[in-house]
Amino acid sequence: MAGLLRVTPAGDRLFVRARDGRIVGWYDPEDGVPGPGGAGEGGRIRIAHEPLRAEVLAALAPFVTGEVTVGPPPVPTSARLARLALHPDDDLAPNRPGEALHARLDHLPARGRAARALHDPHRADRTLLTAEQTVGAALDGWEGAGWRLLHSLPLPGDDRIPHLAVGPGGVFAVHTVPARRLPV
């Protein structure tokens, strides 16, 4: 299986990719074992696909120098968490997919099922909310592989970014468009 893995550089990291392009691990030379003064010495290897752990380590072996830690970063201390804490109004992490649409639709007056079936002026918003929830649920599955997801990020004006994925492969903004039974 080691011959099926490929090491590619990207920024400061080396990524190990499977033949199908999936990232199965990476080496970050700056995020390593704490040294004097809290600076990292060596690096950290993260395994995104545990069944390939030995193959990932073998593929990265020629590139690794010094002391290396294998695994996720340590759990932050309470002092570090306190420094990182945001006011709840400023924290975007709790936003659920379609948060702005939830807020808009929650302020609508209640209508009966028959009235909604005949004419629903907010049908497009409801369809978009369903699409954002579906895409958000699929993206949330990436969390275990080192990705962090933010949903419904407000921008100046009335604009927003539906989903932002930050992880080993980079930063991706995902725009959701409901296109059921339509060519895309």
C-alpha atoms as a PDB file:
ATOM      1  CA  MET A   1       0.000   0.000   0.000  1.00  0.00           C
ATOM      2  CA  ALA A   2       2.987   2.320   0.579  1.00  0.00           C
ATOM      3  CA  GLY A   3       3.467   2.571  -3.200  1.00  0.00           C
ATOM      4  CA  LEU A   4      -0.084   3.850  -3.476  1.00  0.00           C
ATOM      5  CA  LEU A   5       0.605   6.829  -1.201  1.00  0.00           C
ATOM      6  CA  ARG A   6       2.081  10.072  -2.499  1.00  0.00           C
ATOM      7  CA  VAL A   7       3.717  12.857  -0.446  1.00  0.00           C
ATOM      8  CA  THR A   8       3.031  16.388  -1.708  1.00  0.00           C
ATOM      9  CA  PRO A   9       4.110  19.730  -0.216  1.00  0.00           C
ATOM     10  CA  ALA A  10       1.601  22.493   0.458  1.00  0.00           C
ATOM     11  CA  GLY A  11       2.688  25.554   2.392  1.00  0.00           C
ATOM     12  CA  ASP A  12       4.604  24.459   5.480  1.00  0.00           C
ATOM     13  CA  ARG A  13       3.119  20.958   5.522  1.00  0.00           C
ATOM     14  CA  LEU A  14       3.691  17.696   3.710  1.00  0.00           C
ATOM     15  CA  PHE A  15       0.486  15.868   2.857  1.00  0.00           C
ATOM     16  CA  VAL A  16       0.196  12.139   2.282  1.00  0.00           C
ATOM     17  CA  ARG A  17      -2.429  11.355  -0.309  1.00  0.00           C
ATOM     18  CA  ALA A  18      -3.952   8.079  -1.399  1.00  0.00           C
ATOM     19  CA  ARG A  19      -4.146   7.259  -5.099  1.00  0.00           C
ATOM     20  CA  ASP A  20      -7.723   8.643  -5.215  1.00  0.00           C
ATOM     21  CA  GLY A  21      -6.496  12.036  -3.912  1.00  0.00           C
ATOM     22  CA  ARG A  22      -7.777  11.678  -0.331  1.00  0.00           C
ATOM     23  CA  ILE A  23      -5.533  13.120   2.354  1.00  0.00           C
ATOM     24  CA  VAL A  24      -4.680  10.246   4.698  1.00  0.00           C
ATOM     25  CA  GLY A  25      -2.110  12.091   6.841  1.00  0.00           C
ATOM     26  CA  TRP A  26       0.198  15.079   7.033  1.00  0.00           C
ATOM     27  CA  TYR A  27       3.402  16.306   8.651  1.00  0.00           C
ATOM     28  CA  ASP A  28       3.562  19.770  10.178  1.00  0.00           C
ATOM     29  CA  PRO A  29       7.176  20.606  11.092  1.00  0.00           C
ATOM     30  CA  GLU A  30       6.137  23.672  13.136  1.00  0.00           C
ATOM     31  CA  ASP A  31       3.583  21.979  15.423  1.00  0.00           C
ATOM     32  CA  GLY A  32       5.739  19.643  17.439  1.00  0.00           C
ATOM     33  CA  VAL A  33       7.008  18.701  20.826  1.00  0.00           C
ATOM     34  CA  PRO A  34       7.160  21.666  23.226  1.00  0.00           C
ATOM     35  CA  GLY A  35      10.733  22.778  23.768  1.00  0.00           C
ATOM     36  CA  PRO A  36      12.351  25.502  25.870  1.00  0.00           C
ATOM     37  CA  GLY A  37      10.099  28.521  26.164  1.00  0.00           C
ATOM     38  CA  GLY A  38       7.146  26.619  24.739  1.00  0.00           C
ATOM     39  CA  ALA A  39       8.447  26.683  21.158  1.00  0.00           C
ATOM     40  CA  GLY A  40       7.887  23.625  19.030  1.00  0.00           C
ATOM     41  CA  GLU A  41      10.898  21.456  18.184  1.00  0.00           C
ATOM     42  CA  GLY A  42      10.525  18.675  15.689  1.00  0.00           C
ATOM     43  CA  GLY A  43       7.059  18.331  14.275  1.00  0.00           C
ATOM     44  CA  ARG A  44       3.719  16.605  14.455  1.00  0.00           C
ATOM     45  CA  ILE A  45       2.320  13.897  12.213  1.00  0.00           C
ATOM     46  CA  ARG A  46      -1.448  13.639  11.991  1.00  0.00           C
ATOM     47  CA  ILE A  47      -3.118  10.480  10.750  1.00  0.00           C
ATOM     48  CA  ALA A  48      -6.454  11.155   9.038  1.00  0.00           C
ATOM     49  CA  HIS A  49      -7.124   7.533   8.048  1.00  0.00           C
ATOM     50  CA  GLU A  50      -6.083   5.282  10.945  1.00  0.00           C
ATOM     51  CA  PRO A  51      -6.046   1.968   8.983  1.00  0.00           C
ATOM     52  CA  LEU A  52      -3.144   3.403   6.928  1.00  0.00           C
ATOM     53  CA  ARG A  53      -1.137   4.590   9.967  1.00  0.00           C
ATOM     54  CA  ALA A  54       1.958   2.438   9.279  1.00  0.00           C
ATOM     55  CA  GLU A  55       1.963   3.317   5.574  1.00  0.00           C
ATOM     56  CA  VAL A  56       1.625   7.057   6.296  1.00  0.00           C
ATOM     57  CA  LEU A  57       4.534   6.941   8.771  1.00  0.00           C
ATOM     58  CA  ALA A  58       6.656   5.004   6.250  1.00  0.00           C
ATOM     59  CA  ALA A  59       5.853   7.491   3.462  1.00  0.00           C
ATOM     60  CA  LEU A  60       6.809  10.464   5.663  1.00  0.00           C
ATOM     61  CA  ALA A  61       9.958   8.860   7.150  1.00  0.00           C
ATOM     62  CA  PRO A  62      12.400  10.331   4.569  1.00  0.00           C
ATOM     63  CA  PHE A  63      11.103  13.857   5.230  1.00  0.00           C
ATOM     64  CA  VAL A  64      10.938  13.845   9.036  1.00  0.00           C
ATOM     65  CA  THR A  65      13.817  15.292  11.051  1.00  0.00           C
ATOM     66  CA  GLY A  66      14.288  15.589  14.788  1.00  0.00           C
ATOM     67  CA  GLU A  67      11.804  14.584  17.442  1.00  0.00           C
ATOM     68  CA  VAL A  68       8.280  14.015  16.140  1.00  0.00           C
ATOM     69  CA  THR A  69       4.920  13.621  17.842  1.00  0.00           C
ATOM     70  CA  VAL A  70       2.288  11.430  16.217  1.00  0.00           C
ATOM     71  CA  GLY A  71      -1.327  12.296  16.926  1.00  0.00           C
ATOM     72  CA  PRO A  72      -3.545  15.305  17.506  1.00  0.00           C
ATOM     73  CA  PRO A  73      -2.292  18.379  19.346  1.00  0.00           C
ATOM     74  CA  PRO A  74      -2.589  18.327  23.141  1.00  0.00           C
ATOM     75  CA  VAL A  75      -5.791  19.489  24.791  1.00  0.00           C
ATOM     76  CA  PRO A  76      -5.406  23.199  25.597  1.00  0.00           C
ATOM     77  CA  THR A  77      -5.093  24.227  29.233  1.00  0.00           C
ATOM     78  CA  SER A  78      -7.829  26.241  30.917  1.00  0.00           C
ATOM     79  CA  ALA A  79      -5.580  29.332  30.866  1.00  0.00           C
ATOM     80  CA  ARG A  80      -5.107  29.018  27.095  1.00  0.00           C
ATOM     81  CA  LEU A  81      -8.838  28.483  26.596  1.00  0.00           C
ATOM     82  CA  ALA A  82      -9.583  31.620  28.631  1.00  0.00           C
ATOM     83  CA  ARG A  83      -7.297  33.641  26.325  1.00  0.00           C
ATOM     84  CA  LEU A  84      -9.063  32.220  23.285  1.00  0.00           C
ATOM     85  CA  ALA A  85     -12.597  32.767  24.589  1.00  0.00           C
ATOM     86  CA  LEU A  86     -14.903  35.014  22.588  1.00  0.00           C
ATOM     87  CA  HIS A  87     -17.996  36.862  23.611  1.00  0.00           C
ATOM     88  CA  PRO A  88     -20.976  34.671  22.585  1.00  0.00           C
ATOM     89  CA  ASP A  89     -22.167  37.309  20.114  1.00  0.00           C
ATOM     90  CA  ASP A  90     -18.787  37.231  18.330  1.00  0.00           C
ATOM     91  CA  ASP A  91     -18.394  33.453  18.211  1.00  0.00           C
ATOM     92  CA  LEU A  92     -19.439  32.041  14.828  1.00  0.00           C
ATOM     93  CA  ALA A  93     -18.791  28.377  15.688  1.00  0.00           C
ATOM     94  CA  PRO A  94     -22.283  27.691  17.133  1.00  0.00           C
ATOM     95  CA  ASN A  95     -24.026  28.850  13.942  1.00  0.00           C
ATOM     96  CA  ARG A  96     -26.011  25.976  12.477  1.00  0.00           C
ATOM     97  CA  PRO A  97     -26.320  25.549   8.711  1.00  0.00           C
ATOM     98  CA  GLY A  98     -28.773  28.136   7.392  1.00  0.00           C
ATOM     99  CA  GLU A  99     -28.727  30.236  10.592  1.00  0.00           C
ATOM    100  CA  ALA A 100     -29.643  33.432   8.716  1.00  0.00           C
ATOM    101  CA  LEU A 101     -32.535  31.645   6.987  1.00  0.00           C
ATOM    102  CA  HIS A 102     -33.711  30.192  10.306  1.00  0.00           C
ATOM    103  CA  ALA A 103     -33.838  33.713  11.741  1.00  0.00           C
ATOM    104  CA  ARG A 104     -35.714  35.067   8.718  1.00  0.00           C
ATOM    105  CA  LEU A 105     -38.268  32.225   8.653  1.00  0.00           C
ATOM    106  CA  ASP A 106     -38.782  32.212  12.443  1.00  0.00           C
ATOM    107  CA  HIS A 107     -40.083  35.792  12.306  1.00  0.00           C
ATOM    108  CA  LEU A 108     -42.822  34.968   9.802  1.00  0.00           C
ATOM    109  CA  PRO A 109     -46.404  34.738  11.030  1.00  0.00           C
ATOM    110  CA  ALA A 110     -47.754  31.213  11.402  1.00  0.00           C
ATOM    111  CA  ARG A 111     -49.784  30.047   8.402  1.00  0.00           C
ATOM    112  CA  GLY A 112     -51.966  27.030   7.954  1.00  0.00           C
ATOM    113  CA  ARG A 113     -50.917  24.094   5.820  1.00  0.00           C
ATOM    114  CA  ALA A 114     -53.611  24.811   3.211  1.00  0.00           C
ATOM    115  CA  ALA A 115     -52.556  28.451   2.862  1.00  0.00           C
ATOM    116  CA  ARG A 116     -48.908  27.434   2.468  1.00  0.00           C
ATOM    117  CA  ALA A 117     -49.785  24.797  -0.132  1.00  0.00           C
ATOM    118  CA  LEU A 118     -51.659  27.328  -2.277  1.00  0.00           C
ATOM    119  CA  HIS A 119     -49.069  30.062  -2.212  1.00  0.00           C
ATOM    120  CA  ASP A 120     -45.925  30.284  -0.124  1.00  0.00           C
ATOM    121  CA  PRO A 121     -43.932  33.449  -0.860  1.00  0.00           C
ATOM    122  CA  HIS A 122     -41.080  32.058   1.261  1.00  0.00           C
ATOM    123  CA  ARG A 123     -40.866  28.688  -0.470  1.00  0.00           C
ATOM    124  CA  ALA A 124     -37.492  29.549  -2.010  1.00  0.00           C
ATOM    125  CA  ASP A 125     -36.087  30.347   1.456  1.00  0.00           C
ATOM    126  CA  ARG A 126     -37.444  27.078   2.854  1.00  0.00           C
ATOM    127  CA  THR A 127     -35.935  25.112  -0.044  1.00  0.00           C
ATOM    128  CA  LEU A 128     -32.587  26.871   0.385  1.00  0.00           C
ATOM    129  CA  LEU A 129     -32.671  26.145   4.137  1.00  0.00           C
ATOM    130  CA  THR A 130     -33.202  22.439   3.439  1.00  0.00           C
ATOM    131  CA  ALA A 131     -30.320  22.474   0.941  1.00  0.00           C
ATOM    132  CA  GLU A 132     -27.988  24.243   3.402  1.00  0.00           C
ATOM    133  CA  GLN A 133     -28.891  21.791   6.162  1.00  0.00           C
ATOM    134  CA  THR A 134     -28.176  18.843   3.848  1.00  0.00           C
ATOM    135  CA  VAL A 135     -24.812  20.211   2.711  1.00  0.00           C
ATOM    136  CA  GLY A 136     -23.956  21.267   6.277  1.00  0.00           C
ATOM    137  CA  ALA A 137     -24.616  17.756   7.580  1.00  0.00           C
ATOM    138  CA  ALA A 138     -22.362  16.283   4.890  1.00  0.00           C
ATOM    139  CA  LEU A 139     -19.566  18.771   5.637  1.00  0.00           C
ATOM    140  CA  ASP A 140     -19.839  18.194   9.391  1.00  0.00           C
ATOM    141  CA  GLY A 141     -18.718  14.631   8.686  1.00  0.00           C
ATOM    142  CA  TRP A 142     -15.261  16.036   7.881  1.00  0.00           C
ATOM    143  CA  GLU A 143     -14.674  17.151  11.496  1.00  0.00           C
ATOM    144  CA  GLY A 144     -12.980  13.881  12.452  1.00  0.00           C
ATOM    145  CA  ALA A 145     -10.330  14.301   9.737  1.00  0.00           C
ATOM    146  CA  GLY A 146      -8.916  17.575  11.044  1.00  0.00           C
ATOM    147  CA  TRP A 147     -11.381  19.953   9.410  1.00  0.00           C
ATOM    148  CA  ARG A 148     -13.197  22.777  11.187  1.00  0.00           C
ATOM    149  CA  LEU A 149     -16.518  23.922   9.765  1.00  0.00           C
ATOM    150  CA  LEU A 150     -18.270  27.249  10.172  1.00  0.00           C
ATOM    151  CA  HIS A 151     -21.772  27.763   8.862  1.00  0.00           C
ATOM    152  CA  SER A 152     -23.731  30.867   7.887  1.00  0.00           C
ATOM    153  CA  LEU A 153     -20.966  33.465   8.225  1.00  0.00           C
ATOM    154  CA  PRO A 154     -22.347  37.008   8.020  1.00  0.00           C
ATOM    155  CA  LEU A 155     -20.715  39.468   5.644  1.00  0.00           C
ATOM    156  CA  PRO A 156     -21.267  43.223   5.344  1.00  0.00           C
ATOM    157  CA  GLY A 157     -24.709  44.069   4.048  1.00  0.00           C
ATOM    158  CA  ASP A 158     -27.150  41.191   3.826  1.00  0.00           C
ATOM    159  CA  ASP A 159     -24.649  38.754   2.333  1.00  0.00           C
ATOM    160  CA  ARG A 160     -23.193  35.625   3.932  1.00  0.00           C
ATOM    161  CA  ILE A 161     -20.967  32.618   3.311  1.00  0.00           C
ATOM    162  CA  PRO A 162     -23.104  29.486   3.737  1.00  0.00           C
ATOM    163  CA  HIS A 163     -20.226  27.156   4.751  1.00  0.00           C
ATOM    164  CA  LEU A 164     -16.501  27.633   5.403  1.00  0.00           C
ATOM    165  CA  ALA A 165     -14.262  24.568   5.689  1.00  0.00           C
ATOM    166  CA  VAL A 166     -10.772  25.038   7.173  1.00  0.00           C
ATOM    167  CA  GLY A 167      -8.485  22.050   7.265  1.00  0.00           C
ATOM    168  CA  PRO A 168      -5.409  20.261   6.024  1.00  0.00           C
ATOM    169  CA  GLY A 169      -6.355  20.794   2.383  1.00  0.00           C
ATOM    170  CA  GLY A 170      -6.809  24.558   2.773  1.00  0.00           C
ATOM    171  CA  VAL A 171      -9.741  26.922   3.230  1.00  0.00           C
ATOM    172  CA  PHE A 172     -12.875  26.397   1.158  1.00  0.00           C
ATOM    173  CA  ALA A 173     -16.028  28.497   0.973  1.00  0.00           C
ATOM    174  CA  VAL A 174     -18.976  26.338  -0.082  1.00  0.00           C
ATOM    175  CA  HIS A 175     -21.982  28.052  -1.623  1.00  0.00           C
ATOM    176  CA  THR A 176     -25.197  26.039  -1.507  1.00  0.00           C
ATOM    177  CA  VAL A 177     -27.731  26.151  -4.324  1.00  0.00           C
ATOM    178  CA  PRO A 178     -30.851  23.971  -4.302  1.00  0.00           C
ATOM    179  CA  ALA A 179     -30.786  22.095  -7.601  1.00  0.00           C
ATOM    180  CA  ARG A 180     -32.902  19.013  -7.091  1.00  0.00           C
ATOM    181  CA  ARG A 181     -33.610  17.253 -10.379  1.00  0.00           C
ATOM    182  CA  LEU A 182     -31.747  19.965 -12.300  1.00  0.00           C
ATOM    183  CA  PRO A 183     -28.537  19.613 -14.317  1.00  0.00           C
ATOM    184  CA  VAL A 184     -25.597  21.170 -12.515  1.00  0.00           C
END
